[in-house]
Amino acid sequence: MVTIPGQLNLDERVRGVNEALKKYPGIKIVQTLDDKGDSNKAFDAVNALLSAKKQKVDGILCLEASGGAGAAGVLHRMDMTGKVAIVSFDKDPDTLDWVDRGGINATVAQKPYVMAYYGVKFLDDLHHNAVHEFKDWHNAPAPPLPALSIPERPSLTKRI
């Protein structure tokens, strides 16, 4: 797993991965690598892991944007593209290029516009007293977040 330990949002992703993997005892994390948000450092860390040949690695999970391109670069250089699966994060140009080239199997993309829009919208609602506190949102008259209809985008579904 490639991440940046100590960064709260990424630590939460690591926690989520570990929780999900409890259901699959046959899958284990052999090492967590710190790429410090730099694809070159991800390249070096993944290269060191694979070159050591101490652990069998079937897949690489990158929990932030820089790791995927670095990991894919290593596999490409070692002529291992397609032999070790990579799931990356975000849709930066390098990641999408590696998806198109077959070096990254999948990526998880966020919607930063929507995230920012709703952040500002909720602040405005709080300022204007439009948000009412409910102890249990399951019994609230409306959900805390609006339901979003996401249209299919052929340019992105090809990449999945």
N, C-alpha and C. Protein backbone atom coordinates (compact mmCIF):
# COMPACT_ATOMS: atom_id res chain seq x y z
N MET A 1 0.86 -1.16 0.00
CA MET A 1 0.00 0.00 0.00
C MET A 1 0.91 1.23 0.00
N VAL A 2 0.58 2.19 -0.84
CA VAL A 2 1.35 3.43 -0.94
C VAL A 2 0.48 4.57 -0.41
N THR A 3 1.01 5.34 0.53
CA THR A 3 0.26 6.42 1.16
C THR A 3 1.22 7.45 1.73
N ILE A 4 0.71 8.36 2.50
CA ILE A 4 1.53 9.32 3.25
C ILE A 4 1.10 9.18 4.72
N PRO A 5 1.80 8.34 5.50
CA PRO A 5 1.43 8.16 6.90
C PRO A 5 1.45 9.49 7.66
N GLY A 6 0.48 9.64 8.54
CA GLY A 6 0.41 10.86 9.35
C GLY A 6 -0.45 11.95 8.74
N GLN A 7 -0.92 11.77 7.52
CA GLN A 7 -1.82 12.74 6.90
C GLN A 7 -3.24 12.23 7.17
N LEU A 8 -4.02 13.00 7.91
CA LEU A 8 -5.29 12.53 8.46
C LEU A 8 -6.22 11.90 7.42
N ASN A 9 -6.44 12.56 6.29
CA ASN A 9 -7.38 12.00 5.31
C ASN A 9 -6.87 10.66 4.77
N LEU A 10 -5.56 10.54 4.61
CA LEU A 10 -5.00 9.28 4.12
C LEU A 10 -4.99 8.22 5.20
N ASP A 11 -4.76 8.62 6.43
CA ASP A 11 -4.84 7.66 7.54
C ASP A 11 -6.25 7.07 7.63
N GLU A 12 -7.25 7.88 7.34
CA GLU A 12 -8.63 7.37 7.34
C GLU A 12 -8.84 6.38 6.20
N ARG A 13 -8.22 6.63 5.06
CA ARG A 13 -8.31 5.67 3.95
C ARG A 13 -7.64 4.36 4.33
N VAL A 14 -6.47 4.44 4.97
CA VAL A 14 -5.77 3.24 5.43
C VAL A 14 -6.66 2.47 6.41
N ARG A 15 -7.28 3.19 7.33
CA ARG A 15 -8.17 2.54 8.29
C ARG A 15 -9.32 1.84 7.56
N GLY A 16 -9.89 2.49 6.57
CA GLY A 16 -10.97 1.89 5.80
C GLY A 16 -10.52 0.64 5.05
N VAL A 17 -9.34 0.69 4.47
CA VAL A 17 -8.80 -0.49 3.77
C VAL A 17 -8.62 -1.63 4.75
N ASN A 18 -8.02 -1.35 5.89
CA ASN A 18 -7.79 -2.41 6.88
C ASN A 18 -9.10 -3.00 7.39
N GLU A 19 -10.11 -2.14 7.59
CA GLU A 19 -11.43 -2.63 8.01
C GLU A 19 -12.02 -3.55 6.93
N ALA A 20 -11.96 -3.12 5.68
CA ALA A 20 -12.53 -3.90 4.58
C ALA A 20 -11.80 -5.23 4.41
N LEU A 21 -10.48 -5.23 4.59
CA LEU A 21 -9.70 -6.46 4.39
C LEU A 21 -9.91 -7.48 5.50
N LYS A 22 -10.48 -7.09 6.63
CA LYS A 22 -10.79 -8.05 7.69
C LYS A 22 -11.73 -9.14 7.18
N LYS A 23 -12.53 -8.81 6.17
CA LYS A 23 -13.48 -9.76 5.61
C LYS A 23 -12.79 -10.75 4.66
N TYR A 24 -11.54 -10.47 4.30
CA TYR A 24 -10.81 -11.30 3.34
C TYR A 24 -9.46 -11.71 3.93
N PRO A 25 -9.45 -12.73 4.79
CA PRO A 25 -8.22 -13.10 5.48
C PRO A 25 -7.11 -13.57 4.54
N GLY A 26 -7.44 -13.93 3.31
CA GLY A 26 -6.43 -14.35 2.34
C GLY A 26 -5.63 -13.19 1.75
N ILE A 27 -6.10 -11.97 1.99
CA ILE A 27 -5.40 -10.79 1.47
C ILE A 27 -4.72 -10.09 2.63
N LYS A 28 -3.44 -9.82 2.48
CA LYS A 28 -2.75 -9.11 3.55
C LYS A 28 -1.87 -8.01 2.96
N ILE A 29 -1.71 -6.97 3.73
CA ILE A 29 -0.82 -5.87 3.36
C ILE A 29 0.59 -6.29 3.78
N VAL A 30 1.49 -6.42 2.80
CA VAL A 30 2.85 -6.85 3.15
C VAL A 30 3.72 -5.67 3.60
N GLN A 31 3.41 -4.48 3.09
CA GLN A 31 4.17 -3.31 3.50
C GLN A 31 3.40 -2.05 3.15
N THR A 32 3.54 -1.04 3.98
CA THR A 32 2.98 0.27 3.70
C THR A 32 4.14 1.20 3.38
N LEU A 33 4.09 1.79 2.20
CA LEU A 33 5.17 2.64 1.72
C LEU A 33 4.77 4.11 1.80
N ASP A 34 5.70 4.96 2.20
CA ASP A 34 5.48 6.40 2.27
C ASP A 34 6.11 7.04 1.04
N ASP A 35 5.27 7.61 0.18
CA ASP A 35 5.83 8.27 -1.01
C ASP A 35 5.93 9.79 -0.84
N LYS A 36 5.53 10.28 0.32
CA LYS A 36 5.61 11.71 0.64
C LYS A 36 4.96 12.60 -0.44
N GLY A 37 3.98 12.04 -1.15
CA GLY A 37 3.26 12.80 -2.16
C GLY A 37 4.07 13.06 -3.42
N ASP A 38 5.08 12.23 -3.68
CA ASP A 38 6.00 12.43 -4.80
C ASP A 38 6.08 11.13 -5.60
N SER A 39 5.74 11.17 -6.87
CA SER A 39 5.74 9.94 -7.68
C SER A 39 7.15 9.35 -7.80
N ASN A 40 8.19 10.18 -7.75
CA ASN A 40 9.56 9.66 -7.80
C ASN A 40 9.87 8.86 -6.54
N LYS A 41 9.39 9.33 -5.39
CA LYS A 41 9.60 8.59 -4.14
C LYS A 41 8.77 7.30 -4.15
N ALA A 42 7.58 7.35 -4.75
CA ALA A 42 6.78 6.14 -4.89
C ALA A 42 7.52 5.14 -5.77
N PHE A 43 8.08 5.62 -6.87
CA PHE A 43 8.87 4.77 -7.77
C PHE A 43 9.99 4.09 -6.98
N ASP A 44 10.76 4.88 -6.23
CA ASP A 44 11.90 4.34 -5.47
C ASP A 44 11.45 3.31 -4.43
N ALA A 45 10.37 3.60 -3.72
CA ALA A 45 9.90 2.70 -2.66
C ALA A 45 9.37 1.39 -3.24
N VAL A 46 8.58 1.48 -4.31
CA VAL A 46 8.04 0.27 -4.94
C VAL A 46 9.18 -0.52 -5.58
N ASN A 47 10.11 0.17 -6.20
CA ASN A 47 11.27 -0.49 -6.80
C ASN A 47 12.05 -1.27 -5.75
N ALA A 48 12.30 -0.65 -4.59
CA ALA A 48 13.04 -1.32 -3.51
C ALA A 48 12.27 -2.55 -3.02
N LEU A 49 10.96 -2.42 -2.86
CA LEU A 49 10.14 -3.54 -2.39
C LEU A 49 10.20 -4.71 -3.36
N LEU A 50 9.98 -4.42 -4.65
CA LEU A 50 9.94 -5.49 -5.64
C LEU A 50 11.33 -6.07 -5.90
N SER A 51 12.35 -5.24 -5.86
CA SER A 51 13.72 -5.72 -6.10
C SER A 51 14.21 -6.63 -4.98
N ALA A 52 13.75 -6.39 -3.76
CA ALA A 52 14.17 -7.20 -2.62
C ALA A 52 13.65 -8.64 -2.73
N LYS A 53 12.53 -8.82 -3.40
CA LYS A 53 11.92 -10.14 -3.62
C LYS A 53 11.73 -10.92 -2.32
N LYS A 54 11.52 -10.22 -1.22
CA LYS A 54 11.30 -10.88 0.06
C LYS A 54 9.84 -11.30 0.22
N GLN A 55 8.94 -10.55 -0.40
CA GLN A 55 7.51 -10.80 -0.29
C GLN A 55 6.92 -10.94 -1.69
N LYS A 56 5.95 -11.83 -1.83
CA LYS A 56 5.22 -11.91 -3.09
C LYS A 56 4.20 -10.77 -3.10
N VAL A 57 4.23 -9.99 -4.14
CA VAL A 57 3.31 -8.85 -4.27
C VAL A 57 2.38 -9.11 -5.45
N ASP A 58 1.08 -9.20 -5.16
CA ASP A 58 0.08 -9.43 -6.21
C ASP A 58 -0.59 -8.15 -6.66
N GLY A 59 -0.54 -7.12 -5.79
CA GLY A 59 -1.21 -5.88 -6.13
C GLY A 59 -0.64 -4.72 -5.34
N ILE A 60 -0.82 -3.54 -5.88
CA ILE A 60 -0.38 -2.31 -5.23
C ILE A 60 -1.59 -1.39 -5.14
N LEU A 61 -1.87 -0.95 -3.93
CA LEU A 61 -2.98 -0.02 -3.69
C LEU A 61 -2.38 1.33 -3.32
N CYS A 62 -2.68 2.33 -4.12
CA CYS A 62 -2.15 3.69 -3.89
C CYS A 62 -3.30 4.55 -3.39
N LEU A 63 -3.13 5.12 -2.21
CA LEU A 63 -4.22 5.86 -1.59
C LEU A 63 -4.15 7.36 -1.80
N GLU A 64 -3.22 7.81 -2.62
CA GLU A 64 -3.15 9.23 -2.97
C GLU A 64 -2.64 9.33 -4.40
N ALA A 65 -2.70 10.50 -4.98
CA ALA A 65 -2.52 10.68 -6.41
C ALA A 65 -1.13 10.36 -6.95
N SER A 66 -0.08 10.52 -6.18
CA SER A 66 1.27 10.35 -6.71
C SER A 66 1.72 8.91 -6.83
N GLY A 67 1.18 8.05 -6.00
CA GLY A 67 1.66 6.68 -5.94
C GLY A 67 1.45 5.86 -7.19
N GLY A 68 0.32 6.02 -7.84
CA GLY A 68 0.00 5.19 -8.99
C GLY A 68 0.98 5.31 -10.13
N ALA A 69 1.31 6.53 -10.50
CA ALA A 69 2.25 6.74 -11.61
C ALA A 69 3.63 6.20 -11.26
N GLY A 70 4.06 6.40 -10.02
CA GLY A 70 5.36 5.87 -9.60
C GLY A 70 5.39 4.36 -9.65
N ALA A 71 4.35 3.72 -9.12
CA ALA A 71 4.27 2.26 -9.12
C ALA A 71 4.20 1.71 -10.55
N ALA A 72 3.41 2.35 -11.40
CA ALA A 72 3.29 1.90 -12.79
C ALA A 72 4.62 2.04 -13.52
N GLY A 73 5.36 3.10 -13.22
CA GLY A 73 6.67 3.29 -13.84
C GLY A 73 7.63 2.17 -13.49
N VAL A 74 7.61 1.73 -12.24
CA VAL A 74 8.47 0.62 -11.81
C VAL A 74 8.10 -0.66 -12.56
N LEU A 75 6.81 -0.98 -12.58
CA LEU A 75 6.39 -2.20 -13.26
C LEU A 75 6.75 -2.16 -14.73
N HIS A 76 6.61 -1.01 -15.35
CA HIS A 76 6.97 -0.86 -16.76
C HIS A 76 8.46 -1.11 -16.95
N ARG A 77 9.28 -0.50 -16.11
CA ARG A 77 10.73 -0.65 -16.22
C ARG A 77 11.17 -2.09 -15.97
N MET A 78 10.48 -2.80 -15.07
CA MET A 78 10.82 -4.19 -14.74
C MET A 78 10.15 -5.19 -15.68
N ASP A 79 9.46 -4.68 -16.70
CA ASP A 79 8.71 -5.52 -17.64
C ASP A 79 7.69 -6.38 -16.92
N MET A 80 7.01 -5.77 -15.95
CA MET A 80 6.00 -6.47 -15.15
C MET A 80 4.60 -5.85 -15.31
N THR A 81 4.44 -4.97 -16.28
CA THR A 81 3.12 -4.36 -16.48
C THR A 81 2.09 -5.46 -16.71
N GLY A 82 1.01 -5.40 -15.94
CA GLY A 82 -0.05 -6.39 -16.04
C GLY A 82 0.16 -7.62 -15.16
N LYS A 83 1.35 -7.78 -14.60
CA LYS A 83 1.62 -8.93 -13.74
C LYS A 83 1.32 -8.63 -12.28
N VAL A 84 1.32 -7.36 -11.91
CA VAL A 84 0.96 -6.91 -10.57
C VAL A 84 -0.11 -5.83 -10.76
N ALA A 85 -1.27 -6.06 -10.20
CA ALA A 85 -2.37 -5.10 -10.36
C ALA A 85 -2.11 -3.83 -9.56
N ILE A 86 -2.48 -2.70 -10.12
CA ILE A 86 -2.38 -1.41 -9.42
C ILE A 86 -3.75 -0.76 -9.41
N VAL A 87 -4.19 -0.38 -8.21
CA VAL A 87 -5.37 0.47 -8.07
C VAL A 87 -4.87 1.77 -7.47
N SER A 88 -5.16 2.86 -8.17
CA SER A 88 -4.63 4.16 -7.79
C SER A 88 -5.75 5.05 -7.27
N PHE A 89 -5.40 6.30 -7.05
CA PHE A 89 -6.35 7.26 -6.54
C PHE A 89 -6.23 8.55 -7.32
N ASP A 90 -7.34 9.16 -7.59
CA ASP A 90 -7.47 10.44 -8.28
C ASP A 90 -7.33 10.31 -9.79
N LYS A 91 -7.57 11.40 -10.46
CA LYS A 91 -7.57 11.38 -11.92
C LYS A 91 -6.61 12.41 -12.50
N ASP A 92 -5.43 12.50 -11.90
CA ASP A 92 -4.43 13.41 -12.45
C ASP A 92 -3.95 12.87 -13.80
N PRO A 93 -3.40 13.71 -14.64
CA PRO A 93 -3.02 13.28 -16.00
C PRO A 93 -2.07 12.08 -16.05
N ASP A 94 -1.09 12.00 -15.15
CA ASP A 94 -0.17 10.85 -15.17
C ASP A 94 -0.90 9.55 -14.87
N THR A 95 -1.80 9.59 -13.90
CA THR A 95 -2.57 8.40 -13.56
C THR A 95 -3.44 7.96 -14.73
N LEU A 96 -4.15 8.90 -15.33
CA LEU A 96 -5.02 8.54 -16.45
C LEU A 96 -4.22 8.05 -17.65
N ASP A 97 -3.02 8.60 -17.85
CA ASP A 97 -2.15 8.13 -18.93
C ASP A 97 -1.77 6.67 -18.69
N TRP A 98 -1.42 6.32 -17.43
CA TRP A 98 -1.07 4.93 -17.12
C TRP A 98 -2.29 4.01 -17.22
N VAL A 99 -3.48 4.52 -16.92
CA VAL A 99 -4.69 3.71 -17.12
C VAL A 99 -4.85 3.41 -18.61
N ASP A 100 -4.71 4.43 -19.44
CA ASP A 100 -4.83 4.24 -20.89
C ASP A 100 -3.78 3.27 -21.43
N ARG A 101 -2.59 3.29 -20.86
CA ARG A 101 -1.49 2.43 -21.32
C ARG A 101 -1.54 1.04 -20.71
N GLY A 102 -2.48 0.80 -19.79
CA GLY A 102 -2.61 -0.52 -19.18
C GLY A 102 -1.71 -0.73 -17.98
N GLY A 103 -1.04 0.31 -17.52
CA GLY A 103 -0.15 0.18 -16.38
C GLY A 103 -0.85 0.29 -15.04
N ILE A 104 -1.99 0.95 -15.01
CA ILE A 104 -2.83 1.04 -13.81
C ILE A 104 -4.17 0.41 -14.17
N ASN A 105 -4.60 -0.54 -13.33
CA ASN A 105 -5.83 -1.26 -13.63
C ASN A 105 -7.08 -0.44 -13.35
N ALA A 106 -7.05 0.37 -12.30
CA ALA A 106 -8.21 1.17 -11.93
C ALA A 106 -7.76 2.35 -11.08
N THR A 107 -8.58 3.39 -11.08
CA THR A 107 -8.32 4.52 -10.21
C THR A 107 -9.63 4.99 -9.60
N VAL A 108 -9.56 5.50 -8.39
CA VAL A 108 -10.72 6.04 -7.70
C VAL A 108 -10.67 7.54 -7.86
N ALA A 109 -11.67 8.11 -8.51
CA ALA A 109 -11.67 9.55 -8.77
C ALA A 109 -12.68 10.26 -7.88
N GLN A 110 -12.28 11.41 -7.41
CA GLN A 110 -13.16 12.23 -6.57
C GLN A 110 -13.81 13.31 -7.43
N LYS A 111 -14.69 14.05 -6.82
CA LYS A 111 -15.35 15.15 -7.51
C LYS A 111 -15.06 16.43 -6.73
N PRO A 112 -13.88 17.04 -6.96
CA PRO A 112 -13.51 18.21 -6.16
C PRO A 112 -14.46 19.39 -6.31
N TYR A 113 -15.06 19.58 -7.49
CA TYR A 113 -16.00 20.68 -7.66
C TYR A 113 -17.19 20.49 -6.73
N VAL A 114 -17.74 19.27 -6.74
CA VAL A 114 -18.92 18.98 -5.91
C VAL A 114 -18.56 19.10 -4.42
N MET A 115 -17.36 18.60 -4.05
CA MET A 115 -16.94 18.69 -2.66
C MET A 115 -16.85 20.15 -2.22
N ALA A 116 -16.25 20.99 -3.04
CA ALA A 116 -16.10 22.41 -2.69
C ALA A 116 -17.46 23.10 -2.69
N TYR A 117 -18.30 22.80 -3.68
CA TYR A 117 -19.62 23.43 -3.77
C TYR A 117 -20.43 23.16 -2.51
N TYR A 118 -20.49 21.87 -2.10
CA TYR A 118 -21.29 21.55 -0.93
C TYR A 118 -20.66 22.08 0.36
N GLY A 119 -19.34 22.17 0.41
CA GLY A 119 -18.70 22.78 1.58
C GLY A 119 -19.15 24.22 1.75
N VAL A 120 -19.12 24.99 0.66
CA VAL A 120 -19.54 26.40 0.72
C VAL A 120 -21.04 26.49 0.96
N LYS A 121 -21.82 25.63 0.33
CA LYS A 121 -23.27 25.62 0.51
C LYS A 121 -23.63 25.36 1.96
N PHE A 122 -22.97 24.39 2.60
CA PHE A 122 -23.27 24.08 4.01
C PHE A 122 -22.86 25.23 4.92
N LEU A 123 -21.75 25.88 4.61
CA LEU A 123 -21.35 27.06 5.41
C LEU A 123 -22.41 28.15 5.31
N ASP A 124 -22.90 28.38 4.10
CA ASP A 124 -23.94 29.39 3.91
C ASP A 124 -25.21 29.00 4.65
N ASP A 125 -25.57 27.72 4.58
CA ASP A 125 -26.76 27.24 5.30
C ASP A 125 -26.60 27.42 6.80
N LEU A 126 -25.40 27.13 7.32
CA LEU A 126 -25.15 27.32 8.75
C LEU A 126 -25.25 28.80 9.12
N HIS A 127 -24.67 29.64 8.29
CA HIS A 127 -24.69 31.09 8.55
C HIS A 127 -26.13 31.62 8.58
N HIS A 128 -26.96 31.10 7.70
CA HIS A 128 -28.35 31.57 7.62
C HIS A 128 -29.31 30.70 8.44
N ASN A 129 -28.76 29.88 9.32
CA ASN A 129 -29.56 29.06 10.22
C ASN A 129 -30.51 28.12 9.49
N ALA A 130 -30.10 27.62 8.34
CA ALA A 130 -30.95 26.72 7.56
C ALA A 130 -30.72 25.25 7.92
N VAL A 131 -29.71 24.99 8.71
CA VAL A 131 -29.40 23.61 9.10
C VAL A 131 -29.90 23.39 10.52
N HIS A 132 -30.68 22.35 10.69
CA HIS A 132 -31.20 22.01 12.01
C HIS A 132 -30.54 20.73 12.48
N GLU A 133 -30.15 20.70 13.73
CA GLU A 133 -29.46 19.53 14.27
C GLU A 133 -30.45 18.42 14.57
N PHE A 134 -30.11 17.21 14.15
CA PHE A 134 -30.90 16.03 14.45
C PHE A 134 -29.97 15.03 15.12
N LYS A 135 -30.42 14.46 16.20
CA LYS A 135 -29.57 13.48 16.88
C LYS A 135 -29.44 12.21 16.05
N ASP A 136 -30.46 11.89 15.29
CA ASP A 136 -30.43 10.69 14.46
C ASP A 136 -30.89 11.08 13.05
N TRP A 137 -29.96 11.16 12.11
CA TRP A 137 -30.30 11.60 10.75
C TRP A 137 -31.22 10.61 10.05
N HIS A 138 -31.27 9.37 10.53
CA HIS A 138 -32.17 8.39 9.91
C HIS A 138 -33.63 8.79 10.11
N ASN A 139 -33.92 9.55 11.16
CA ASN A 139 -35.29 9.98 11.43
C ASN A 139 -35.54 11.42 11.03
N ALA A 140 -34.58 12.06 10.42
CA ALA A 140 -34.73 13.46 9.99
C ALA A 140 -35.66 13.53 8.79
N PRO A 141 -36.33 14.69 8.61
CA PRO A 141 -37.25 14.82 7.47
C PRO A 141 -36.53 14.88 6.12
N ALA A 142 -35.21 15.13 6.13
CA ALA A 142 -34.44 15.18 4.88
C ALA A 142 -33.04 14.64 5.17
N PRO A 143 -32.39 14.06 4.18
CA PRO A 143 -31.04 13.55 4.40
C PRO A 143 -30.04 14.70 4.56
N PRO A 144 -28.91 14.45 5.24
CA PRO A 144 -27.93 15.52 5.44
C PRO A 144 -27.24 15.93 4.15
N LEU A 145 -27.18 15.03 3.18
CA LEU A 145 -26.58 15.35 1.88
C LEU A 145 -27.61 15.08 0.79
N PRO A 146 -27.60 15.90 -0.24
CA PRO A 146 -28.54 15.65 -1.34
C PRO A 146 -28.14 14.42 -2.13
N ALA A 147 -29.13 13.74 -2.68
CA ALA A 147 -28.85 12.60 -3.56
C ALA A 147 -28.39 13.17 -4.90
N LEU A 148 -27.31 12.61 -5.42
CA LEU A 148 -26.78 13.09 -6.69
C LEU A 148 -27.01 12.06 -7.78
N SER A 149 -27.44 12.52 -8.89
CA SER A 149 -27.54 11.67 -10.06
C SER A 149 -26.29 11.94 -10.89
N ILE A 150 -25.49 10.91 -11.09
CA ILE A 150 -24.24 11.08 -11.82
C ILE A 150 -24.40 10.47 -13.20
N PRO A 151 -24.40 11.30 -14.23
CA PRO A 151 -24.55 10.76 -15.58
C PRO A 151 -23.31 9.96 -15.97
N GLU A 152 -23.53 8.94 -16.77
CA GLU A 152 -22.41 8.14 -17.25
C GLU A 152 -21.59 8.97 -18.22
N ARG A 153 -20.28 8.93 -18.06
CA ARG A 153 -19.38 9.64 -18.96
C ARG A 153 -18.54 8.63 -19.70
N PRO A 154 -18.82 8.42 -20.99
CA PRO A 154 -18.10 7.40 -21.75
C PRO A 154 -16.59 7.56 -21.68
N SER A 155 -16.07 8.79 -21.64
CA SER A 155 -14.62 8.99 -21.62
C SER A 155 -14.01 8.41 -20.35
N LEU A 156 -14.76 8.41 -19.24
CA LEU A 156 -14.23 7.87 -18.00
C LEU A 156 -14.56 6.39 -17.84
N THR A 157 -15.72 5.95 -18.35
CA THR A 157 -16.07 4.55 -18.17
C THR A 157 -15.12 3.66 -18.97
N LYS A 158 -14.53 4.16 -20.03
CA LYS A 158 -13.54 3.37 -20.77
C LYS A 158 -12.35 3.09 -19.87
N ARG A 159 -12.06 4.02 -19.00
CA ARG A 159 -10.87 3.92 -18.18
C ARG A 159 -11.06 3.02 -16.97
N ILE A 160 -12.30 2.70 -16.64
CA ILE A 160 -12.57 1.91 -15.43
C ILE A 160 -12.32 0.44 -15.71
